[in-house]
Amino acid sequence: MSSPTGPASGLPVRMPRPRQPGRHRRPEPLVAPEGAPALVLAVPGAPSSATRGLADEVISIARSELPGLDARIGHLEGDDDEFLSLSTVLVRAAEERTARFEQARAAGMDVKEPEGPVAVVVPLLAGPDNALLRRIRQAVMDSKIAAELTDVLGPHPLLAEALHVRLSEAGLARADRARLFTVATAADGIVLASVGGDEAVQAAGITGMLLAARLAVPVIAAALDEEGSIASVAEQLRNSGSQQLALAPYLIGPEIEASVLEEAAKEAGCSTAEPLGPYPAIGKLALAKYTTALGISPQQPQGTPVR
């Protein structure tokens, strides 16, 4: 039997496990700080159930990485109860923050008046698109709400990983160089399709170099929104010896209509992979932009090493 001072003699004493010291100690899980700004995902393109489902998945990934995260979706086009505009989402976030403060004060709690940004707006864009970024910035200004706007998600090694996965899912690349030595339909040249003009092509080219290192085939970026750019790059690859080409969309999805991508692939005579979509890396990178903006960033997400 146990005594008031501990277990009876002879019984093992269960001691709490000490925290592992030093550099290899397991990091404490990160949680959203109390009263932290909302993460608002700015979604381009025409609202639809598919676009909303994609954004919901990205938000779900971010929430799973940071428990307690207040994450919301704001659309650049449309504004109704199903597809709230970015400005409306920011206004509501501000109203709810003020209401929480007033309720706490009315309950006699000793709380500070909210300060700092109401939200951190993260564009759902893989690369820079000045036209879309101007619209996002204008929507934030129109809301008259204090919000911080982050950079786009790329370039980043995780986006090269996501492109590799989408190509392998379409049978256009080997999933693993170490184990799958031959794939009959694997491309020997990749056209990396971006939107946003020259700046976007240059940024896509950085991720393209990482993708080329993974696949050991040439990768050249081209602009979907520049007439003839995709076909020109496809011809350049063929002239350099590539014969079986693939189009890899450096897009998350909502930025451009699917028909534009299909037409470009047809014009260039390429097979095409799916856009990046709600690949887990997208949610992790969106969260990394948010936590970096707040100065609470954990270790930056890293890409899977090349095998």
Protein backbone atom coordinates (compact mmCIF):
# COMPACT_ATOMS: atom_id res chain seq x y z
CA MET A 1 0.00 0.00 0.00
CA SER A 2 1.05 3.56 -0.52
CA SER A 3 1.74 5.97 2.27
CA PRO A 4 1.04 9.71 2.21
CA THR A 5 4.67 10.29 1.28
CA GLY A 6 4.91 7.75 -1.54
CA PRO A 7 4.50 4.11 -2.47
CA ALA A 8 5.12 1.33 -0.01
CA SER A 9 8.64 -0.02 0.28
CA GLY A 10 9.62 -2.38 -2.51
CA LEU A 11 7.31 -0.90 -5.15
CA PRO A 12 8.89 0.85 -8.12
CA VAL A 13 8.71 4.60 -8.15
CA ARG A 14 7.53 6.01 -11.48
CA MET A 15 9.53 9.12 -12.15
CA PRO A 16 8.74 11.61 -14.92
CA ARG A 17 10.91 11.20 -17.99
CA PRO A 18 13.48 13.98 -18.06
CA ARG A 19 13.62 16.16 -21.14
CA GLN A 20 16.39 15.10 -23.47
CA PRO A 21 19.12 17.72 -23.28
CA GLY A 22 21.19 19.11 -26.10
CA ARG A 23 20.77 19.69 -29.81
CA HIS A 24 18.94 16.39 -30.47
CA ARG A 25 16.12 17.15 -28.07
CA ARG A 26 12.72 16.79 -29.72
CA PRO A 27 11.34 20.31 -30.36
CA GLU A 28 8.25 21.39 -28.49
CA PRO A 29 5.20 21.44 -30.78
CA LEU A 30 4.40 24.92 -32.07
CA VAL A 31 0.92 26.29 -31.47
CA ALA A 32 -0.64 29.53 -32.63
CA PRO A 33 -0.08 32.32 -30.09
CA GLU A 34 -3.10 33.64 -28.20
CA GLY A 35 -4.73 36.40 -30.23
CA ALA A 36 -2.52 35.81 -33.27
CA PRO A 37 -3.64 37.36 -36.58
CA ALA A 38 -5.66 35.25 -38.95
CA LEU A 39 -4.00 33.58 -41.92
CA VAL A 40 -6.05 34.64 -44.93
CA LEU A 41 -5.40 32.68 -48.11
CA ALA A 42 -5.93 34.96 -51.13
CA VAL A 43 -7.34 32.75 -53.88
CA PRO A 44 -7.19 33.98 -57.50
CA GLY A 45 -9.45 32.95 -60.35
CA ALA A 46 -13.17 32.49 -60.73
CA PRO A 47 -14.71 30.95 -57.59
CA SER A 48 -16.04 27.41 -57.93
CA SER A 49 -16.65 24.40 -55.74
CA ALA A 50 -13.41 22.87 -57.07
CA THR A 51 -11.40 25.98 -56.25
CA ARG A 52 -12.96 26.20 -52.82
CA GLY A 53 -12.21 22.52 -52.17
CA LEU A 54 -8.57 23.06 -53.16
CA ALA A 55 -8.25 26.07 -50.84
CA ASP A 56 -9.95 24.17 -48.00
CA GLU A 57 -7.37 21.37 -48.32
CA VAL A 58 -4.49 23.85 -48.25
CA ILE A 59 -5.96 25.47 -45.13
CA SER A 60 -6.47 22.06 -43.51
CA ILE A 61 -2.80 21.21 -44.02
CA ALA A 62 -1.75 24.53 -42.47
CA ARG A 63 -4.02 23.97 -39.45
CA SER A 64 -2.63 20.48 -38.91
CA GLU A 65 0.88 21.97 -38.77
CA LEU A 66 -0.10 24.78 -36.37
CA PRO A 67 -2.90 23.88 -33.93
CA GLY A 68 -5.08 26.81 -32.99
CA LEU A 69 -4.49 28.61 -36.29
CA ASP A 70 -7.28 30.96 -37.38
CA ALA A 71 -7.21 30.36 -41.14
CA ARG A 72 -9.65 31.79 -43.67
CA ILE A 73 -10.18 31.97 -47.43
CA GLY A 74 -10.70 35.18 -49.40
CA HIS A 75 -11.48 35.15 -53.14
CA LEU A 76 -10.32 37.81 -55.59
CA GLU A 77 -13.48 37.36 -57.67
CA GLY A 78 -17.07 37.04 -56.50
CA ASP A 79 -18.52 38.00 -53.15
CA ASP A 80 -21.44 36.05 -51.78
CA ASP A 81 -22.14 33.86 -48.77
CA GLU A 82 -20.34 30.90 -50.35
CA PHE A 83 -17.37 32.73 -51.88
CA LEU A 84 -16.40 35.64 -49.68
CA SER A 85 -14.15 38.30 -51.18
CA LEU A 86 -10.75 39.00 -49.68
CA SER A 87 -11.91 42.43 -48.48
CA THR A 88 -15.00 40.98 -46.79
CA VAL A 89 -12.96 38.30 -45.03
CA LEU A 90 -10.55 40.91 -43.67
CA VAL A 91 -13.39 43.14 -42.42
CA ARG A 92 -15.05 40.20 -40.67
CA ALA A 93 -11.78 39.13 -39.06
CA ALA A 94 -11.37 42.66 -37.66
CA GLU A 95 -14.96 42.77 -36.41
CA GLU A 96 -14.61 39.41 -34.68
CA ARG A 97 -11.35 40.44 -33.01
CA THR A 98 -12.96 43.62 -31.67
CA ALA A 99 -16.01 41.68 -30.48
CA ARG A 100 -13.84 39.17 -28.59
CA PHE A 101 -12.01 42.00 -26.84
CA GLU A 102 -15.22 43.78 -25.84
CA GLN A 103 -16.78 40.57 -24.54
CA ALA A 104 -13.71 39.80 -22.45
CA ARG A 105 -13.65 43.31 -21.02
CA ALA A 106 -17.39 43.17 -20.27
CA ALA A 107 -16.77 39.92 -18.38
CA GLY A 108 -14.28 41.73 -16.15
CA MET A 109 -11.17 40.13 -17.64
CA ASP A 110 -7.92 42.05 -17.63
CA VAL A 111 -7.18 42.09 -21.36
CA LYS A 112 -5.17 44.41 -23.56
CA GLU A 113 -6.77 46.12 -26.49
CA PRO A 114 -5.80 44.28 -29.72
CA GLU A 115 -2.92 45.77 -31.65
CA GLY A 116 -0.86 44.82 -34.67
CA PRO A 117 -2.17 43.34 -37.93
CA VAL A 118 -5.58 41.71 -37.99
CA ALA A 119 -4.44 39.22 -40.61
CA VAL A 120 -1.52 37.96 -42.65
CA VAL A 121 -2.58 37.58 -46.29
CA VAL A 122 -0.83 34.77 -48.18
CA PRO A 123 -1.31 34.71 -51.99
CA LEU A 124 -2.13 31.24 -53.29
CA LEU A 125 0.45 31.61 -56.05
CA ALA A 126 3.50 29.48 -56.81
CA GLY A 127 5.29 32.35 -58.52
CA PRO A 128 5.04 36.11 -58.94
CA ASP A 129 2.18 37.47 -61.03
CA ASN A 130 2.19 41.25 -60.82
CA ALA A 131 -1.33 41.65 -62.17
CA LEU A 132 -2.79 39.32 -59.54
CA LEU A 133 -0.60 40.70 -56.77
CA ARG A 134 -1.78 44.24 -57.57
CA ARG A 135 -5.37 43.07 -57.22
CA ILE A 136 -4.63 41.38 -53.91
CA ARG A 137 -2.89 44.50 -52.63
CA GLN A 138 -5.82 46.66 -53.78
CA ALA A 139 -8.32 44.38 -52.02
CA VAL A 140 -6.36 44.71 -48.78
CA MET A 141 -6.31 48.51 -49.17
CA ASP A 142 -10.05 48.61 -49.96
CA SER A 143 -10.82 46.74 -46.74
CA LYS A 144 -9.09 49.50 -44.69
CA ILE A 145 -7.95 46.72 -42.35
CA ALA A 146 -4.41 46.42 -40.98
CA ALA A 147 -3.09 43.34 -42.75
CA GLU A 148 0.33 42.15 -43.84
CA LEU A 149 0.80 40.74 -47.35
CA THR A 150 3.47 38.06 -47.81
CA ASP A 151 5.44 36.98 -50.85
CA VAL A 152 4.26 34.18 -53.12
CA LEU A 153 5.11 30.57 -52.21
CA GLY A 154 8.00 29.96 -54.60
CA PRO A 155 10.63 29.33 -55.66
CA HIS A 156 11.28 26.53 -53.18
CA PRO A 157 12.64 22.94 -53.21
CA LEU A 158 9.27 21.65 -52.02
CA LEU A 159 7.68 22.95 -55.22
CA ALA A 160 10.25 21.01 -57.25
CA GLU A 161 9.24 17.94 -55.24
CA ALA A 162 5.56 18.62 -55.96
CA LEU A 163 6.23 19.02 -59.69
CA HIS A 164 8.15 15.73 -59.67
CA VAL A 165 5.23 13.97 -57.99
CA ARG A 166 2.67 15.37 -60.45
CA LEU A 167 4.83 14.28 -63.41
CA SER A 168 5.25 10.79 -61.96
CA GLU A 169 1.50 10.52 -61.32
CA ALA A 170 0.94 11.23 -65.02
CA GLY A 171 3.51 8.59 -65.98
CA LEU A 172 5.86 11.27 -67.33
CA ALA A 173 8.72 10.85 -64.85
CA ARG A 174 10.24 8.18 -62.66
CA ALA A 175 8.94 8.40 -59.12
CA ASP A 176 12.28 7.29 -57.65
CA ARG A 177 15.56 7.17 -59.57
CA ALA A 178 16.95 4.61 -57.14
CA ARG A 179 14.24 2.00 -57.64
CA LEU A 180 12.35 2.65 -60.86
CA PHE A 181 15.02 2.52 -63.53
CA THR A 182 12.76 2.65 -66.57
CA VAL A 183 9.40 4.22 -67.31
CA ALA A 184 8.36 3.84 -70.93
CA THR A 185 6.54 7.17 -71.05
CA ALA A 186 9.07 9.20 -69.02
CA ALA A 187 9.84 12.56 -70.62
CA ASP A 188 13.37 13.49 -71.63
CA GLY A 189 12.63 17.22 -71.55
CA ILE A 190 10.28 19.33 -69.42
CA VAL A 191 8.54 22.60 -70.31
CA LEU A 192 7.79 24.35 -67.01
CA ALA A 193 4.68 26.47 -67.62
CA SER A 194 4.15 29.60 -65.53
CA VAL A 195 1.94 32.70 -65.61
CA GLY A 196 2.95 36.25 -64.75
CA GLY A 197 5.32 37.30 -67.52
CA ASP A 198 9.11 37.44 -67.56
CA GLU A 199 9.51 37.75 -63.79
CA ALA A 200 7.43 34.62 -63.29
CA VAL A 201 9.47 32.72 -65.89
CA GLN A 202 12.71 33.66 -64.15
CA ALA A 203 11.37 32.58 -60.75
CA ALA A 204 10.03 29.33 -62.23
CA GLY A 205 13.47 28.73 -63.73
CA ILE A 206 14.97 28.52 -60.22
CA THR A 207 12.55 25.77 -59.25
CA GLY A 208 13.13 24.27 -62.69
CA MET A 209 16.84 23.82 -61.95
CA LEU A 210 15.91 21.91 -58.80
CA LEU A 211 13.49 19.76 -60.79
CA ALA A 212 16.15 19.09 -63.43
CA ALA A 213 18.48 17.87 -60.69
CA ARG A 214 15.81 15.46 -59.47
CA LEU A 215 14.94 14.09 -62.91
CA ALA A 216 18.33 14.37 -64.67
CA VAL A 217 16.61 15.83 -67.74
CA PRO A 218 16.58 19.41 -69.10
CA VAL A 219 13.86 21.71 -67.73
CA ILE A 220 13.10 25.12 -69.28
CA ALA A 221 10.49 27.57 -68.03
CA ALA A 222 8.04 29.29 -70.38
CA ALA A 223 5.08 31.68 -70.07
CA LEU A 224 1.56 30.39 -70.59
CA ASP A 225 0.32 33.97 -70.90
CA GLU A 226 2.76 34.86 -73.69
CA GLU A 227 1.69 33.69 -77.13
CA GLY A 228 4.05 31.15 -78.65
CA SER A 229 6.30 30.90 -75.57
CA ILE A 230 5.44 27.27 -74.75
CA ALA A 231 5.83 26.12 -78.36
CA SER A 232 9.13 28.01 -78.70
CA VAL A 233 10.64 26.36 -75.62
CA ALA A 234 9.39 22.95 -76.77
CA GLU A 235 11.18 23.49 -80.09
CA GLN A 236 14.33 24.56 -78.24
CA LEU A 237 14.28 21.33 -76.24
CA ARG A 238 13.77 19.22 -79.36
CA ASN A 239 16.64 20.97 -81.12
CA SER A 240 18.89 20.09 -78.18
CA GLY A 241 18.02 16.38 -78.45
CA SER A 242 14.89 15.88 -76.31
CA GLN A 243 12.15 14.04 -78.18
CA GLN A 244 9.58 13.05 -75.60
CA LEU A 245 8.46 16.26 -73.89
CA ALA A 246 6.16 16.93 -70.98
CA LEU A 247 4.44 20.09 -69.81
CA ALA A 248 4.68 20.66 -66.04
CA PRO A 249 2.33 23.42 -64.82
CA TYR A 250 4.10 25.64 -62.30
CA LEU A 251 0.63 26.57 -61.09
CA ILE A 252 -1.50 25.71 -58.11
CA GLY A 253 -4.64 25.67 -60.27
CA PRO A 254 -7.02 28.60 -59.91
CA GLU A 255 -4.65 31.10 -61.59
CA ILE A 256 -5.66 30.13 -65.13
CA GLU A 257 -8.41 28.26 -66.95
CA ALA A 258 -7.70 24.60 -67.64
CA SER A 259 -8.43 25.14 -71.35
CA VAL A 260 -5.39 27.47 -71.65
CA LEU A 261 -3.13 24.73 -70.32
CA GLU A 262 -4.65 22.11 -72.61
CA GLU A 263 -4.28 24.34 -75.67
CA ALA A 264 -0.63 25.11 -74.86
CA ALA A 265 0.19 21.43 -74.47
CA LYS A 266 -1.52 20.67 -77.77
CA GLU A 267 0.32 23.47 -79.57
CA ALA A 268 3.68 22.24 -78.26
CA GLY A 269 2.92 18.56 -78.87
CA CYS A 270 3.48 17.70 -75.20
CA SER A 271 1.82 15.45 -72.70
CA THR A 272 0.86 17.35 -69.57
CA ALA A 273 0.81 16.76 -65.83
CA GLU A 274 -1.76 18.15 -63.43
CA PRO A 275 -1.22 21.51 -61.67
CA LEU A 276 0.28 21.40 -58.18
CA GLY A 277 -3.15 21.61 -56.52
CA PRO A 278 -3.44 20.90 -52.78
CA TYR A 279 -0.13 19.04 -52.57
CA PRO A 280 0.94 19.00 -48.89
CA ALA A 281 3.88 21.30 -49.63
CA ILE A 282 1.49 24.09 -50.62
CA GLY A 283 -0.12 24.19 -47.18
CA LYS A 284 3.26 23.99 -45.45
CA LEU A 285 4.69 26.83 -47.52
CA ALA A 286 1.62 29.00 -46.92
CA LEU A 287 2.05 28.44 -43.18
CA ALA A 288 5.78 29.19 -43.40
CA LYS A 289 4.98 32.57 -44.99
CA TYR A 290 2.54 33.29 -42.15
CA THR A 291 4.82 32.26 -39.28
CA THR A 292 7.79 34.10 -40.79
CA ALA A 293 5.71 37.27 -41.03
CA LEU A 294 4.88 36.96 -37.33
CA GLY A 295 8.39 36.03 -36.26
CA ILE A 296 7.27 32.66 -34.87
CA SER A 297 8.63 30.59 -37.72
CA PRO A 298 9.71 27.02 -36.95
CA GLN A 299 12.40 25.42 -39.08
CA GLN A 300 11.61 26.10 -42.74
CA PRO A 301 10.09 23.10 -44.57
CA GLN A 302 12.73 21.26 -46.55
CA GLY A 303 12.43 19.40 -49.81
CA THR A 304 12.86 15.66 -50.07
CA PRO A 305 16.48 14.91 -51.04
CA VAL A 306 17.19 13.59 -54.53
CA ARG A 307 17.68 9.86 -54.56
